[in-house]
């Protein structure tokens, strides 16, 4: 019997690159089409809906669950926890992918852009587009 090596995590600081690789679904309208109702406009699900997501990915293996274990980390796998938020993804399901968005030097610019996109989405909802 030999020793087995555990794969080391692949760390990202670029949220866009991480989202593209993992296939994170951010569009709540797309999730509604799949029969899921996210709790946030960014496609997030709170802890109370984790069983719904687990059943969904069990029925459709093309999708996997990502976990925001906050305040500063996304894991590309399901991690149970009372304050975790969950996202659905349809890209690379490698569980060793981790995003640390606040380690990026331009995290504040990315955060501002995210807020701007969120307000635009809320405006679309308000105007019933």
N, C-alpha and C. Protein backbone atom coordinates (compact mmCIF):
# COMPACT_ATOMS: atom_id res chain seq x y z
N UNK A 1 0.84 -1.18 0.00
CA UNK A 1 0.00 0.00 0.00
C UNK A 1 0.88 1.24 0.00
N UNK A 2 0.63 2.10 -0.95
CA UNK A 2 1.37 3.35 -1.02
C UNK A 2 0.53 4.51 -0.52
N UNK A 3 1.19 5.58 -0.32
CA UNK A 3 0.50 6.80 0.10
C UNK A 3 -0.24 7.40 -1.09
N UNK A 4 -1.35 8.01 -0.82
CA UNK A 4 -2.11 8.67 -1.88
C UNK A 4 -2.06 10.17 -1.66
N UNK A 5 -1.85 10.86 -2.74
CA UNK A 5 -1.79 12.32 -2.66
C UNK A 5 -3.17 12.91 -2.87
N UNK A 6 -3.47 13.90 -2.09
CA UNK A 6 -4.73 14.61 -2.23
C UNK A 6 -4.49 15.77 -3.19
N UNK A 7 -5.33 15.93 -4.23
CA UNK A 7 -5.10 17.02 -5.18
C UNK A 7 -5.19 18.38 -4.48
N UNK A 8 -4.27 19.25 -4.84
CA UNK A 8 -4.27 20.58 -4.22
C UNK A 8 -5.32 21.45 -4.89
N UNK A 9 -5.92 22.35 -4.14
CA UNK A 9 -6.96 23.21 -4.71
C UNK A 9 -6.38 24.17 -5.75
N UNK A 10 -7.17 24.45 -6.77
CA UNK A 10 -6.80 25.45 -7.76
C UNK A 10 -7.51 26.73 -7.36
N UNK A 11 -6.74 27.74 -6.98
CA UNK A 11 -7.29 28.98 -6.45
C UNK A 11 -7.42 30.04 -7.53
N UNK A 12 -8.55 30.73 -7.53
CA UNK A 12 -8.82 31.84 -8.43
C UNK A 12 -9.04 33.10 -7.61
N UNK A 13 -8.68 34.24 -8.18
CA UNK A 13 -9.08 35.54 -7.63
C UNK A 13 -9.96 36.28 -8.64
N UNK A 14 -9.98 35.82 -9.87
CA UNK A 14 -10.78 36.43 -10.93
C UNK A 14 -12.14 35.74 -10.99
N UNK A 15 -13.17 36.45 -10.50
CA UNK A 15 -14.51 35.88 -10.45
C UNK A 15 -15.09 35.58 -11.82
N UNK A 16 -14.76 36.39 -12.82
CA UNK A 16 -15.28 36.16 -14.17
C UNK A 16 -14.69 34.87 -14.74
N UNK A 17 -13.38 34.70 -14.60
CA UNK A 17 -12.73 33.49 -15.11
C UNK A 17 -13.25 32.25 -14.37
N UNK A 18 -13.44 32.38 -13.07
CA UNK A 18 -13.95 31.27 -12.26
C UNK A 18 -15.38 30.92 -12.71
N UNK A 19 -16.21 31.94 -12.91
CA UNK A 19 -17.58 31.72 -13.34
C UNK A 19 -17.67 31.09 -14.72
N UNK A 20 -16.78 31.51 -15.62
CA UNK A 20 -16.77 30.93 -16.96
C UNK A 20 -16.35 29.46 -16.92
N UNK A 21 -15.35 29.16 -16.13
CA UNK A 21 -14.88 27.77 -16.06
C UNK A 21 -15.91 26.86 -15.40
N UNK A 22 -16.52 27.33 -14.33
CA UNK A 22 -17.46 26.48 -13.59
C UNK A 22 -18.86 26.51 -14.19
N UNK A 23 -19.16 27.51 -15.01
CA UNK A 23 -20.48 27.61 -15.60
C UNK A 23 -21.53 28.12 -14.63
N UNK A 24 -21.14 28.96 -13.70
CA UNK A 24 -22.07 29.48 -12.69
C UNK A 24 -23.23 30.19 -13.37
N UNK A 25 -24.46 29.80 -12.98
CA UNK A 25 -25.66 30.39 -13.54
C UNK A 25 -26.08 31.58 -12.68
N UNK A 26 -25.93 32.78 -13.23
CA UNK A 26 -26.25 34.00 -12.50
C UNK A 26 -27.62 34.56 -12.85
N UNK A 27 -28.18 34.17 -13.98
CA UNK A 27 -29.41 34.76 -14.48
C UNK A 27 -30.61 34.08 -13.83
N UNK A 28 -31.31 34.82 -12.99
CA UNK A 28 -32.45 34.23 -12.29
C UNK A 28 -33.55 33.80 -13.25
N UNK A 29 -33.65 34.46 -14.42
CA UNK A 29 -34.66 34.08 -15.41
C UNK A 29 -34.36 32.69 -15.97
N UNK A 30 -33.10 32.41 -16.19
CA UNK A 30 -32.70 31.08 -16.69
C UNK A 30 -33.02 30.01 -15.66
N UNK A 31 -32.82 30.33 -14.39
CA UNK A 31 -33.13 29.38 -13.33
C UNK A 31 -34.64 29.15 -13.22
N UNK A 32 -35.43 30.20 -13.43
CA UNK A 32 -36.88 30.04 -13.43
C UNK A 32 -37.32 29.09 -14.54
N UNK A 33 -36.65 29.17 -15.70
CA UNK A 33 -36.97 28.26 -16.81
C UNK A 33 -36.65 26.81 -16.47
N UNK A 34 -35.71 26.61 -15.56
CA UNK A 34 -35.36 25.25 -15.13
C UNK A 34 -36.30 24.75 -14.03
N UNK A 35 -37.25 25.60 -13.60
CA UNK A 35 -38.17 25.22 -12.55
C UNK A 35 -37.67 25.53 -11.16
N UNK A 36 -36.64 26.36 -11.05
CA UNK A 36 -36.07 26.73 -9.76
C UNK A 36 -36.33 28.21 -9.50
N UNK A 37 -36.61 28.56 -8.26
CA UNK A 37 -36.84 29.95 -7.91
C UNK A 37 -35.73 30.41 -6.96
N UNK A 38 -34.75 31.16 -7.49
CA UNK A 38 -33.64 31.61 -6.64
C UNK A 38 -34.10 32.65 -5.62
N UNK A 39 -33.33 32.79 -4.57
CA UNK A 39 -33.63 33.76 -3.52
C UNK A 39 -33.00 35.12 -3.78
N UNK A 40 -32.07 35.20 -4.71
CA UNK A 40 -31.41 36.46 -5.03
C UNK A 40 -31.46 36.69 -6.53
N UNK A 41 -31.35 37.96 -6.94
CA UNK A 41 -31.35 38.25 -8.38
C UNK A 41 -30.08 37.74 -9.05
N UNK A 42 -29.06 37.44 -8.28
CA UNK A 42 -27.83 36.89 -8.83
C UNK A 42 -27.83 35.38 -8.93
N UNK A 43 -28.98 34.75 -8.71
CA UNK A 43 -29.09 33.31 -8.87
C UNK A 43 -28.73 32.51 -7.63
N UNK A 44 -28.65 33.15 -6.47
CA UNK A 44 -28.28 32.46 -5.24
C UNK A 44 -29.48 31.83 -4.53
N UNK A 45 -29.20 30.75 -3.84
CA UNK A 45 -30.21 30.06 -3.05
C UNK A 45 -29.76 30.02 -1.60
N UNK A 46 -30.67 30.34 -0.70
CA UNK A 46 -30.35 30.29 0.72
C UNK A 46 -30.41 28.85 1.22
N UNK A 47 -29.99 28.66 2.44
CA UNK A 47 -29.86 27.34 3.04
C UNK A 47 -31.18 26.54 3.02
N UNK A 48 -32.30 27.21 3.12
CA UNK A 48 -33.59 26.51 3.15
C UNK A 48 -33.92 25.78 1.86
N UNK A 49 -33.27 26.11 0.77
CA UNK A 49 -33.55 25.47 -0.52
C UNK A 49 -32.46 24.49 -0.95
N UNK A 50 -31.57 24.14 -0.04
CA UNK A 50 -30.47 23.25 -0.43
C UNK A 50 -30.98 21.87 -0.86
N UNK A 51 -32.04 21.37 -0.22
CA UNK A 51 -32.57 20.06 -0.58
C UNK A 51 -33.16 20.07 -2.00
N UNK A 52 -33.79 21.19 -2.37
CA UNK A 52 -34.33 21.32 -3.73
C UNK A 52 -33.19 21.25 -4.75
N UNK A 53 -32.09 21.96 -4.46
CA UNK A 53 -30.94 21.94 -5.37
C UNK A 53 -30.29 20.56 -5.42
N UNK A 54 -30.14 19.92 -4.27
CA UNK A 54 -29.54 18.58 -4.24
C UNK A 54 -30.37 17.59 -5.05
N UNK A 55 -31.69 17.68 -4.93
CA UNK A 55 -32.57 16.80 -5.74
C UNK A 55 -32.44 17.13 -7.22
N UNK A 56 -32.34 18.42 -7.55
CA UNK A 56 -32.23 18.82 -8.95
C UNK A 56 -30.96 18.26 -9.59
N UNK A 57 -29.80 18.42 -8.92
CA UNK A 57 -28.55 17.93 -9.51
C UNK A 57 -28.48 16.40 -9.51
N UNK A 58 -29.20 15.78 -8.61
CA UNK A 58 -29.25 14.32 -8.63
C UNK A 58 -30.03 13.82 -9.86
N UNK A 59 -31.09 14.55 -10.22
CA UNK A 59 -31.88 14.18 -11.40
C UNK A 59 -31.18 14.56 -12.70
N UNK A 60 -30.40 15.64 -12.68
CA UNK A 60 -29.74 16.12 -13.89
C UNK A 60 -28.24 16.31 -13.63
N UNK A 61 -27.41 15.31 -13.93
CA UNK A 61 -25.98 15.38 -13.63
C UNK A 61 -25.20 16.37 -14.48
N UNK A 62 -25.85 17.06 -15.42
CA UNK A 62 -25.17 18.10 -16.19
C UNK A 62 -24.91 19.33 -15.32
N UNK A 63 -25.57 19.41 -14.18
CA UNK A 63 -25.43 20.54 -13.26
C UNK A 63 -24.74 20.12 -11.98
N UNK A 64 -24.13 21.08 -11.32
CA UNK A 64 -23.56 20.84 -10.01
C UNK A 64 -23.79 22.08 -9.14
N UNK A 65 -23.55 21.94 -7.86
CA UNK A 65 -23.78 23.01 -6.89
C UNK A 65 -22.45 23.65 -6.51
N UNK A 66 -22.46 24.99 -6.46
CA UNK A 66 -21.34 25.76 -5.93
C UNK A 66 -21.80 26.36 -4.60
N UNK A 67 -20.86 26.56 -3.68
CA UNK A 67 -21.21 27.09 -2.37
C UNK A 67 -20.42 28.34 -2.06
N UNK A 68 -21.14 29.38 -1.63
CA UNK A 68 -20.50 30.59 -1.11
C UNK A 68 -20.42 30.39 0.38
N UNK A 69 -19.20 30.15 0.86
CA UNK A 69 -19.00 29.87 2.28
C UNK A 69 -18.57 31.12 3.03
N UNK A 70 -18.62 32.24 2.37
CA UNK A 70 -18.38 33.59 2.84
C UNK A 70 -17.56 33.73 4.10
N UNK A 71 -17.11 34.88 4.35
CA UNK A 71 -17.40 36.08 3.59
C UNK A 71 -16.49 36.26 2.37
N UNK A 72 -15.63 35.32 2.10
CA UNK A 72 -14.63 35.58 1.06
C UNK A 72 -14.30 34.39 0.17
N UNK A 73 -15.18 33.38 0.09
CA UNK A 73 -14.76 32.19 -0.64
C UNK A 73 -15.94 31.46 -1.28
N UNK A 74 -15.74 31.06 -2.55
CA UNK A 74 -16.66 30.20 -3.27
C UNK A 74 -15.98 28.85 -3.45
N UNK A 75 -16.70 27.78 -3.18
CA UNK A 75 -16.21 26.43 -3.39
C UNK A 75 -17.02 25.83 -4.54
N UNK A 76 -16.36 25.10 -5.43
CA UNK A 76 -17.04 24.52 -6.58
C UNK A 76 -17.60 23.14 -6.23
N UNK A 77 -18.25 23.07 -5.10
CA UNK A 77 -18.89 21.84 -4.64
C UNK A 77 -19.91 22.21 -3.56
N UNK A 78 -20.72 21.26 -3.19
CA UNK A 78 -21.70 21.48 -2.12
C UNK A 78 -21.00 21.38 -0.77
N UNK A 79 -21.17 22.41 0.05
CA UNK A 79 -20.66 22.41 1.42
C UNK A 79 -21.82 22.83 2.32
N UNK A 80 -22.27 21.92 3.15
CA UNK A 80 -23.40 22.22 4.02
C UNK A 80 -22.98 23.18 5.12
N UNK A 81 -23.85 24.12 5.43
CA UNK A 81 -23.60 25.07 6.50
C UNK A 81 -24.79 25.98 6.69
N UNK A 82 -25.05 26.42 7.90
CA UNK A 82 -26.26 27.20 8.17
C UNK A 82 -26.30 28.57 7.49
N UNK A 83 -25.16 29.15 7.18
CA UNK A 83 -25.13 30.48 6.57
C UNK A 83 -24.61 30.46 5.14
N UNK A 84 -24.43 29.30 4.57
CA UNK A 84 -23.92 29.20 3.21
C UNK A 84 -25.01 29.53 2.19
N UNK A 85 -24.58 30.05 1.04
CA UNK A 85 -25.46 30.28 -0.09
C UNK A 85 -25.02 29.35 -1.20
N UNK A 86 -25.98 28.93 -2.01
CA UNK A 86 -25.70 27.94 -3.04
C UNK A 86 -26.05 28.49 -4.41
N UNK A 87 -25.30 28.03 -5.41
CA UNK A 87 -25.51 28.43 -6.79
C UNK A 87 -25.48 27.19 -7.65
N UNK A 88 -26.17 27.24 -8.76
CA UNK A 88 -26.18 26.14 -9.71
C UNK A 88 -25.18 26.46 -10.81
N UNK A 89 -24.49 25.44 -11.30
CA UNK A 89 -23.50 25.63 -12.36
C UNK A 89 -23.60 24.46 -13.34
N UNK A 90 -23.16 24.73 -14.58
CA UNK A 90 -23.22 23.68 -15.60
C UNK A 90 -21.89 23.53 -16.35
N UNK A 91 -20.79 23.98 -15.75
CA UNK A 91 -19.47 23.88 -16.37
C UNK A 91 -18.62 22.81 -15.71
N UNK A 92 -17.36 23.13 -15.53
CA UNK A 92 -16.39 22.21 -14.93
C UNK A 92 -16.77 21.92 -13.47
N UNK A 93 -17.08 20.66 -13.13
CA UNK A 93 -17.49 20.34 -11.76
C UNK A 93 -16.32 20.01 -10.82
N UNK A 94 -15.09 20.29 -11.22
CA UNK A 94 -13.92 19.96 -10.39
C UNK A 94 -14.09 20.54 -8.98
N UNK A 95 -14.20 19.70 -7.95
CA UNK A 95 -14.43 20.19 -6.59
C UNK A 95 -13.22 20.90 -5.97
N UNK A 96 -12.08 20.88 -6.65
CA UNK A 96 -10.88 21.53 -6.11
C UNK A 96 -10.74 22.98 -6.56
N UNK A 97 -11.73 23.52 -7.28
CA UNK A 97 -11.68 24.91 -7.70
C UNK A 97 -12.25 25.79 -6.60
N UNK A 98 -11.51 26.83 -6.25
CA UNK A 98 -11.92 27.76 -5.18
C UNK A 98 -11.71 29.18 -5.66
N UNK A 99 -12.66 30.04 -5.34
CA UNK A 99 -12.55 31.46 -5.68
C UNK A 99 -12.40 32.28 -4.41
N UNK A 100 -11.35 33.11 -4.37
CA UNK A 100 -11.12 34.07 -3.30
C UNK A 100 -11.21 35.47 -3.92
N UNK A 101 -12.42 36.02 -4.14
CA UNK A 101 -12.55 37.26 -4.90
C UNK A 101 -11.91 38.47 -4.25
N UNK A 102 -11.85 38.52 -2.93
CA UNK A 102 -11.34 39.71 -2.26
C UNK A 102 -9.82 39.72 -2.14
N UNK A 103 -9.15 38.72 -2.68
CA UNK A 103 -7.69 38.74 -2.75
C UNK A 103 -7.20 39.43 -4.02
N UNK A 104 -8.12 39.66 -4.96
CA UNK A 104 -7.75 40.34 -6.21
C UNK A 104 -7.47 41.81 -5.90
N UNK A 105 -6.51 42.38 -6.61
CA UNK A 105 -6.16 43.77 -6.38
C UNK A 105 -7.28 44.73 -6.78
N UNK A 106 -8.10 44.33 -7.74
CA UNK A 106 -9.17 45.21 -8.21
C UNK A 106 -10.54 44.77 -7.71
N UNK A 107 -10.60 44.11 -6.57
CA UNK A 107 -11.87 43.57 -6.08
C UNK A 107 -12.93 44.65 -5.92
N UNK A 108 -12.52 45.85 -5.53
CA UNK A 108 -13.49 46.93 -5.32
C UNK A 108 -14.14 47.35 -6.64
N UNK A 109 -13.40 47.29 -7.75
CA UNK A 109 -13.98 47.63 -9.05
C UNK A 109 -14.97 46.55 -9.50
N UNK A 110 -14.61 45.31 -9.26
CA UNK A 110 -15.51 44.21 -9.59
C UNK A 110 -16.78 44.30 -8.76
N UNK A 111 -16.63 44.65 -7.49
CA UNK A 111 -17.78 44.78 -6.60
C UNK A 111 -18.70 45.90 -7.08
N UNK A 112 -18.12 47.03 -7.49
CA UNK A 112 -18.93 48.14 -8.02
C UNK A 112 -19.66 47.72 -9.28
N UNK A 113 -19.01 46.98 -10.15
CA UNK A 113 -19.63 46.51 -11.38
C UNK A 113 -20.78 45.56 -11.07
N UNK A 114 -20.61 44.71 -10.09
CA UNK A 114 -21.66 43.78 -9.69
C UNK A 114 -22.87 44.54 -9.16
N UNK A 115 -22.63 45.55 -8.35
CA UNK A 115 -23.73 46.36 -7.82
C UNK A 115 -24.47 47.06 -8.97
N UNK A 116 -23.71 47.59 -9.93
CA UNK A 116 -24.32 48.27 -11.08
C UNK A 116 -25.20 47.29 -11.86
N UNK A 117 -24.70 46.09 -12.11
CA UNK A 117 -25.49 45.09 -12.84
C UNK A 117 -26.74 44.69 -12.06
N UNK A 118 -26.62 44.60 -10.75
CA UNK A 118 -27.76 44.25 -9.91
C UNK A 118 -28.83 45.33 -9.98
N UNK A 119 -28.42 46.59 -9.90
CA UNK A 119 -29.40 47.68 -10.00
C UNK A 119 -30.07 47.70 -11.37
N UNK A 120 -29.32 47.41 -12.42
CA UNK A 120 -29.91 47.36 -13.76
C UNK A 120 -30.94 46.23 -13.85
N UNK A 121 -30.64 45.09 -13.25
CA UNK A 121 -31.56 43.97 -13.26
C UNK A 121 -32.82 44.30 -12.46
N UNK A 122 -32.65 44.97 -11.32
CA UNK A 122 -33.81 45.37 -10.52
C UNK A 122 -34.66 46.38 -11.27
N UNK A 123 -34.02 47.27 -12.02
CA UNK A 123 -34.75 48.25 -12.83
C UNK A 123 -35.57 47.54 -13.91
N UNK A 124 -35.00 46.49 -14.52
CA UNK A 124 -35.75 45.71 -15.52
C UNK A 124 -36.97 45.05 -14.88
N UNK A 125 -36.79 44.53 -13.67
CA UNK A 125 -37.91 43.90 -12.97
C UNK A 125 -38.98 44.95 -12.65
N UNK A 126 -38.54 46.09 -12.17
CA UNK A 126 -39.47 47.17 -11.82
C UNK A 126 -40.26 47.63 -13.05
N UNK A 127 -39.60 47.70 -14.19
CA UNK A 127 -40.25 48.13 -15.43
C UNK A 127 -40.90 46.99 -16.20
N UNK A 128 -40.89 45.80 -15.60
CA UNK A 128 -41.55 44.59 -16.16
C UNK A 128 -41.03 44.22 -17.54
N UNK A 129 -39.71 44.32 -17.71
CA UNK A 129 -39.10 43.90 -18.98
C UNK A 129 -38.69 42.46 -18.91
